[in-house]
Amino acid sequence: MKIRVALVLAFSLLTAALRAEKISLVGATVINPADDKMLPNATVVINGDKIERVSMGKQDAATLGKQVSCVGKFILPGYIDTHVHFFQSADLFTRPDAADFNSVRSYKDEVAWVKSHLDDVFARYIRSGITSVVDVGGPMWNFEVRKKANSTAKAPRVAVAGPLISSVSREKLDLGDPPIVKIDTPDQAREFVRKLTEQKLDLVKIWYIVDKDHPVESFRPIVRATIEESHAHKTRVAVHATELETARAAVEEGADVLVHSVIDKPVDDAFVKLLKDRHVILCPTLVVFERYGRTFSHQ
């Protein structure tokens, strides 16, 4: 028992020492988006888990600790991808509700593949310079993805929402842990938000889908209840609202983030002012909607 305790203590001290090691990245060009400046032949001094300083020109080697030559390279803050879905692979089989190819590859197999390749997905984000991602909605196993990322060295920082609170259902995506849940009443919305907050989620997501059977105003009381309950639990709310009036309603009800641009018509000045006055974050997103048609027509 004493040997085991000694080994654990030694490992803890070694880990702490490594974490506290001073490392300097020397000779790179540093790009700082905050002030739009480029610093050639710069030295970035990292002390433990903090950036201690960024300096230009020749430095006193005694203050630099371990030096890593970065001559000819560029250093900039990691990118943040603000709209991802870990439950989707981006291939043709990942959204059977949009295009059903279960006869070619089952959706169950698709989801199993996604789960088994998370380490590779994490590593590809890091290789691409993306150090933080926000998953804006998926099954409850989203929270396991966040947990796995937190315990994986080569992984981005991951923030997650749980299942989308929706005006419509998507049965083809339901394998027992649905990524999208149809909510029919304000009370049901509040109850579901309380369930989600037990997972210490980073944000709540609303899927505000409208059509002839689901007009803007019919779902608005549920949007209001969802946002009120989320804010009561100090949790921000992101909304999928791609029509101008849907987006306007979401922001008027207190949405913190719009995860897409408006696509049905040009936005008006009043809407822009509303976003600015409410300090709402807008993620325009790079959409792939039109690529479905091209792919299916062999273009």
Protein backbone atom coordinates (compact mmCIF):
# COMPACT_ATOMS: atom_id res chain seq x y z
CA MET A 1 0.00 0.00 0.00
CA LYS A 2 2.86 2.38 0.88
CA ILE A 3 4.53 1.64 -2.47
CA ARG A 4 1.28 2.40 -4.33
CA VAL A 5 0.82 5.70 -2.48
CA ALA A 6 4.44 6.63 -3.18
CA LEU A 7 4.01 5.90 -6.89
CA VAL A 8 0.82 7.96 -7.10
CA LEU A 9 2.52 10.84 -5.27
CA ALA A 10 5.56 10.66 -7.54
CA PHE A 11 3.35 10.67 -10.64
CA SER A 12 1.38 13.63 -9.32
CA LEU A 13 4.56 15.60 -8.66
CA LEU A 14 5.90 14.75 -12.12
CA THR A 15 2.63 15.83 -13.77
CA ALA A 16 2.65 19.09 -11.83
CA ALA A 17 6.27 19.71 -12.80
CA LEU A 18 5.54 19.14 -16.47
CA ARG A 19 2.52 21.41 -16.28
CA ALA A 20 4.66 24.13 -14.72
CA GLU A 21 7.48 23.82 -17.29
CA LYS A 22 8.40 27.02 -19.09
CA ILE A 23 8.48 26.64 -22.89
CA SER A 24 9.31 29.33 -25.44
CA LEU A 25 8.33 29.28 -29.11
CA VAL A 26 11.10 31.21 -30.82
CA GLY A 27 11.38 32.92 -34.21
CA ALA A 28 7.84 32.63 -35.56
CA THR A 29 5.58 35.34 -36.95
CA VAL A 30 2.81 35.95 -34.42
CA ILE A 31 -0.60 37.07 -35.69
CA ASN A 32 -2.86 38.78 -33.16
CA PRO A 33 -6.46 39.15 -34.44
CA ALA A 34 -7.28 41.43 -31.50
CA ASP A 35 -5.22 44.29 -32.92
CA ASP A 36 -4.64 43.09 -36.51
CA LYS A 37 -0.87 43.11 -35.98
CA MET A 38 1.80 40.72 -37.23
CA LEU A 39 4.96 40.37 -35.13
CA PRO A 40 7.91 38.89 -37.07
CA ASN A 41 10.73 37.04 -35.31
CA ALA A 42 8.65 36.84 -32.14
CA THR A 43 9.05 34.74 -29.02
CA VAL A 44 6.02 33.35 -27.18
CA VAL A 45 6.85 32.38 -23.60
CA ILE A 46 4.49 29.81 -22.07
CA ASN A 47 4.78 29.33 -18.32
CA GLY A 48 2.77 26.32 -17.19
CA ASP A 49 -0.68 26.74 -18.74
CA LYS A 50 -0.41 30.52 -19.25
CA ILE A 51 1.11 32.65 -22.00
CA GLU A 52 3.53 34.78 -20.01
CA ARG A 53 4.54 37.21 -22.73
CA VAL A 54 5.05 37.77 -26.44
CA SER A 55 8.22 39.64 -27.39
CA MET A 56 10.11 40.58 -30.55
CA GLY A 57 13.80 40.35 -31.31
CA LYS A 58 16.58 38.62 -29.41
CA GLN A 59 15.70 37.45 -25.89
CA ASP A 60 17.74 36.49 -22.84
CA ALA A 61 17.99 32.70 -23.14
CA ALA A 62 18.11 32.32 -19.37
CA THR A 63 14.48 33.49 -19.11
CA LEU A 64 13.08 31.26 -21.86
CA GLY A 65 13.21 27.76 -20.40
CA LYS A 66 12.93 25.04 -23.03
CA GLN A 67 13.17 26.59 -26.51
CA VAL A 68 11.36 25.36 -29.62
CA SER A 69 12.48 26.85 -32.93
CA CYS A 70 9.50 28.07 -34.97
CA VAL A 71 11.44 29.95 -37.67
CA GLY A 72 9.39 30.15 -40.86
CA LYS A 73 6.15 29.31 -39.06
CA PHE A 74 3.12 31.34 -37.95
CA ILE A 75 1.49 31.39 -34.53
CA LEU A 76 -2.08 32.58 -34.01
CA PRO A 77 -4.93 31.79 -31.60
CA GLY A 78 -6.83 28.59 -32.31
CA TYR A 79 -9.94 28.85 -34.45
CA ILE A 80 -13.38 28.28 -32.94
CA ASP A 81 -15.96 26.31 -34.93
CA THR A 82 -19.25 27.61 -33.58
CA HIS A 83 -21.58 25.20 -35.35
CA VAL A 84 -20.91 21.46 -35.39
CA HIS A 85 -22.94 18.30 -34.79
CA PHE A 86 -20.91 15.34 -33.59
CA PHE A 87 -23.77 12.94 -34.34
CA GLN A 88 -23.48 13.78 -38.05
CA SER A 89 -20.59 12.53 -40.19
CA ALA A 90 -21.20 14.86 -43.18
CA ASP A 91 -21.59 11.93 -45.57
CA LEU A 92 -24.70 10.93 -47.51
CA PHE A 93 -26.04 8.60 -44.82
CA THR A 94 -26.03 10.94 -41.86
CA ARG A 95 -29.46 12.59 -42.32
CA PRO A 96 -32.05 10.01 -43.39
CA ASP A 97 -34.74 12.55 -42.58
CA ALA A 98 -33.46 14.62 -45.52
CA ALA A 99 -32.34 11.81 -47.83
CA ASP A 100 -33.03 8.23 -46.77
CA PHE A 101 -30.33 5.78 -47.86
CA ASN A 102 -31.01 3.11 -45.26
CA SER A 103 -31.27 0.58 -48.09
CA VAL A 104 -27.61 1.26 -48.87
CA ARG A 105 -26.24 1.82 -45.37
CA SER A 106 -28.35 1.73 -42.24
CA TYR A 107 -28.52 4.83 -40.10
CA LYS A 108 -27.78 2.64 -37.08
CA ASP A 109 -24.46 1.60 -38.65
CA GLU A 110 -23.77 5.23 -39.53
CA VAL A 111 -24.16 6.39 -35.92
CA ALA A 112 -22.05 3.49 -34.67
CA TRP A 113 -19.29 4.54 -37.09
CA VAL A 114 -19.48 8.13 -35.86
CA LYS A 115 -19.10 7.04 -32.24
CA SER A 116 -16.14 4.78 -33.04
CA HIS A 117 -14.23 7.53 -34.88
CA LEU A 118 -14.46 10.38 -32.38
CA ASP A 119 -10.73 10.31 -31.62
CA ASP A 120 -9.99 10.87 -35.30
CA VAL A 121 -12.52 13.71 -35.48
CA PHE A 122 -10.91 15.37 -32.46
CA ALA A 123 -7.43 15.02 -33.96
CA ARG A 124 -8.54 16.46 -37.32
CA TYR A 125 -9.88 19.56 -35.60
CA ILE A 126 -6.51 20.10 -33.92
CA ARG A 127 -4.62 19.49 -37.18
CA SER A 128 -6.84 22.12 -38.82
CA GLY A 129 -6.01 24.70 -36.15
CA ILE A 130 -9.45 24.47 -34.54
CA THR A 131 -9.03 24.35 -30.78
CA SER A 132 -12.64 24.89 -29.65
CA VAL A 133 -15.95 23.66 -31.06
CA VAL A 134 -19.58 24.17 -30.15
CA ASP A 135 -21.96 21.29 -30.80
CA VAL A 136 -25.32 22.98 -31.22
CA GLY A 137 -27.52 19.98 -30.67
CA GLY A 138 -27.58 16.22 -30.70
CA PRO A 139 -28.54 13.10 -28.73
CA MET A 140 -27.95 12.80 -25.02
CA TRP A 141 -24.69 11.00 -25.82
CA ASN A 142 -23.40 14.44 -26.79
CA PHE A 143 -22.48 14.79 -23.13
CA GLU A 144 -20.30 11.68 -23.39
CA VAL A 145 -18.55 13.30 -26.36
CA ARG A 146 -17.71 16.32 -24.21
CA LYS A 147 -16.46 14.05 -21.42
CA LYS A 148 -14.29 12.09 -23.86
CA ALA A 149 -12.85 15.28 -25.36
CA ASN A 150 -11.99 16.58 -21.90
CA SER A 151 -9.96 13.43 -21.20
CA THR A 152 -8.23 13.29 -24.61
CA ALA A 153 -4.95 15.15 -25.08
CA LYS A 154 -5.34 15.71 -28.82
CA ALA A 155 -8.86 17.16 -28.77
CA PRO A 156 -10.46 20.60 -28.96
CA ARG A 157 -12.34 22.19 -26.11
CA VAL A 158 -15.94 21.06 -26.60
CA ALA A 159 -19.15 22.85 -25.60
CA VAL A 160 -22.44 21.03 -26.18
CA ALA A 161 -26.19 21.35 -26.30
CA GLY A 162 -28.44 18.36 -25.82
CA PRO A 163 -31.39 17.32 -27.99
CA LEU A 164 -32.97 20.12 -30.00
CA ILE A 165 -36.28 21.44 -28.68
CA SER A 166 -38.32 21.36 -31.86
CA SER A 167 -41.60 22.37 -33.42
CA VAL A 168 -41.50 19.21 -35.59
CA SER A 169 -40.47 15.59 -35.12
CA ARG A 170 -37.82 13.63 -37.02
CA GLU A 171 -38.61 9.95 -36.39
CA LYS A 172 -35.96 8.68 -38.81
CA LEU A 173 -33.23 10.07 -36.55
CA ASP A 174 -34.60 8.39 -33.42
CA LEU A 175 -32.58 5.31 -32.44
CA GLY A 176 -33.76 5.49 -28.84
CA ASP A 177 -31.75 8.63 -28.07
CA PRO A 178 -33.23 11.24 -30.43
CA PRO A 179 -31.22 14.32 -31.42
CA ILE A 180 -34.45 16.24 -32.03
CA VAL A 181 -37.42 16.21 -29.64
CA LYS A 182 -40.82 17.62 -30.55
CA ILE A 183 -42.20 19.74 -27.73
CA ASP A 184 -45.92 20.53 -27.72
CA THR A 185 -46.55 22.77 -24.70
CA PRO A 186 -44.73 25.43 -22.68
CA ASP A 187 -44.89 23.24 -19.56
CA GLN A 188 -43.32 20.36 -21.46
CA ALA A 189 -40.59 22.73 -22.64
CA ARG A 190 -39.80 23.84 -19.10
CA GLU A 191 -39.67 20.26 -17.86
CA PHE A 192 -37.33 19.23 -20.68
CA VAL A 193 -35.02 22.19 -20.02
CA ARG A 194 -34.80 21.18 -16.36
CA LYS A 195 -33.87 17.65 -17.45
CA LEU A 196 -31.16 19.01 -19.74
CA THR A 197 -29.66 21.31 -17.12
CA GLU A 198 -29.00 18.26 -14.94
CA GLN A 199 -26.28 17.44 -17.49
CA LYS A 200 -24.63 20.84 -16.98
CA LEU A 201 -25.00 21.59 -20.67
CA ASP A 202 -23.35 24.64 -22.18
CA LEU A 203 -26.40 25.90 -24.05
CA VAL A 204 -29.98 24.94 -24.91
CA LYS A 205 -30.92 24.65 -28.58
CA ILE A 206 -34.29 25.39 -30.18
CA TRP A 207 -35.14 24.09 -33.67
CA TYR A 208 -37.70 26.69 -34.79
CA ILE A 209 -39.03 25.08 -37.98
CA VAL A 210 -42.00 26.73 -39.70
CA ASP A 211 -44.22 25.62 -42.58
CA LYS A 212 -47.90 25.79 -43.48
CA ASP A 213 -48.73 23.45 -40.60
CA HIS A 214 -46.38 25.14 -38.14
CA PRO A 215 -46.65 28.95 -38.46
CA VAL A 216 -44.31 31.26 -36.58
CA GLU A 217 -46.74 32.23 -33.82
CA SER A 218 -47.88 28.68 -33.01
CA PHE A 219 -44.49 27.68 -31.57
CA ARG A 220 -43.65 31.05 -30.07
CA PRO A 221 -45.06 30.33 -26.57
CA ILE A 222 -42.80 27.26 -26.40
CA VAL A 223 -39.81 29.33 -27.50
CA ARG A 224 -40.63 31.84 -24.77
CA ALA A 225 -40.96 29.14 -22.09
CA THR A 226 -37.75 27.43 -23.19
CA ILE A 227 -35.76 30.65 -23.04
CA GLU A 228 -37.24 31.76 -19.71
CA GLU A 229 -36.50 28.40 -18.07
CA SER A 230 -33.00 28.21 -19.55
CA HIS A 231 -32.13 31.71 -18.39
CA ALA A 232 -33.48 30.87 -14.94
CA HIS A 233 -30.80 28.16 -14.88
CA LYS A 234 -28.18 30.62 -16.19
CA THR A 235 -27.95 28.76 -19.51
CA ARG A 236 -27.81 30.52 -22.86
CA VAL A 237 -30.14 29.60 -25.71
CA ALA A 238 -29.22 29.09 -29.36
CA VAL A 239 -31.93 29.01 -32.03
CA HIS A 240 -32.15 27.60 -35.54
CA ALA A 241 -34.37 30.18 -37.24
CA THR A 242 -33.70 30.70 -40.93
CA GLU A 243 -36.70 32.86 -41.85
CA LEU A 244 -36.67 36.56 -41.06
CA GLU A 245 -39.86 36.54 -38.99
CA THR A 246 -38.84 33.37 -37.15
CA ALA A 247 -35.45 34.84 -36.31
CA ARG A 248 -37.09 38.11 -35.23
CA ALA A 249 -39.49 36.25 -32.94
CA ALA A 250 -36.65 34.22 -31.41
CA VAL A 251 -34.61 37.33 -30.63
CA GLU A 252 -37.63 39.20 -29.26
CA GLU A 253 -38.21 36.28 -26.90
CA GLY A 254 -34.64 36.49 -25.62
CA ALA A 255 -32.49 34.17 -27.75
CA ASP A 256 -28.76 34.59 -27.15
CA VAL A 257 -27.47 33.03 -30.38
CA LEU A 258 -28.81 32.55 -33.92
CA VAL A 259 -26.98 29.59 -35.43
CA HIS A 260 -27.77 30.41 -39.09
CA SER A 261 -28.26 33.41 -41.31
CA VAL A 262 -31.71 34.38 -42.53
CA ILE A 263 -32.18 32.81 -45.97
CA ASP A 264 -35.75 33.54 -47.07
CA LYS A 265 -35.44 37.30 -47.66
CA PRO A 266 -33.10 40.26 -47.08
CA VAL A 267 -33.00 41.38 -43.46
CA ASP A 268 -34.32 44.84 -42.64
CA ASP A 269 -32.73 47.62 -40.59
CA ALA A 270 -35.07 46.97 -37.68
CA PHE A 271 -33.84 43.38 -37.42
CA VAL A 272 -30.19 44.44 -37.51
CA LYS A 273 -30.87 47.00 -34.78
CA LEU A 274 -32.65 44.34 -32.72
CA LEU A 275 -29.61 42.06 -32.92
CA LYS A 276 -27.27 44.87 -31.89
CA ASP A 277 -29.49 46.13 -29.08
CA ARG A 278 -29.90 42.63 -27.63
CA HIS A 279 -26.20 41.73 -28.16
CA VAL A 280 -27.20 38.57 -30.03
CA ILE A 281 -24.49 36.41 -31.57
CA LEU A 282 -25.11 35.48 -35.22
CA CYS A 283 -23.28 32.49 -36.71
CA PRO A 284 -23.78 32.78 -40.48
CA THR A 285 -22.59 29.16 -41.10
CA LEU A 286 -21.36 27.66 -44.34
CA VAL A 287 -24.37 25.63 -45.43
CA VAL A 288 -24.42 22.58 -47.67
CA PHE A 289 -28.13 22.49 -48.50
CA GLU A 290 -27.63 23.07 -52.22
CA ARG A 291 -25.00 20.32 -52.43
CA TYR A 292 -27.59 17.61 -51.80
CA GLY A 293 -29.24 18.30 -55.16
CA ARG A 294 -25.94 18.39 -57.02
CA THR A 295 -24.85 15.11 -55.49
CA PHE A 296 -28.10 13.29 -56.21
CA SER A 297 -28.08 14.50 -59.83
CA HIS A 298 -24.47 13.26 -60.25
CA GLN A 299 -23.08 16.75 -60.69
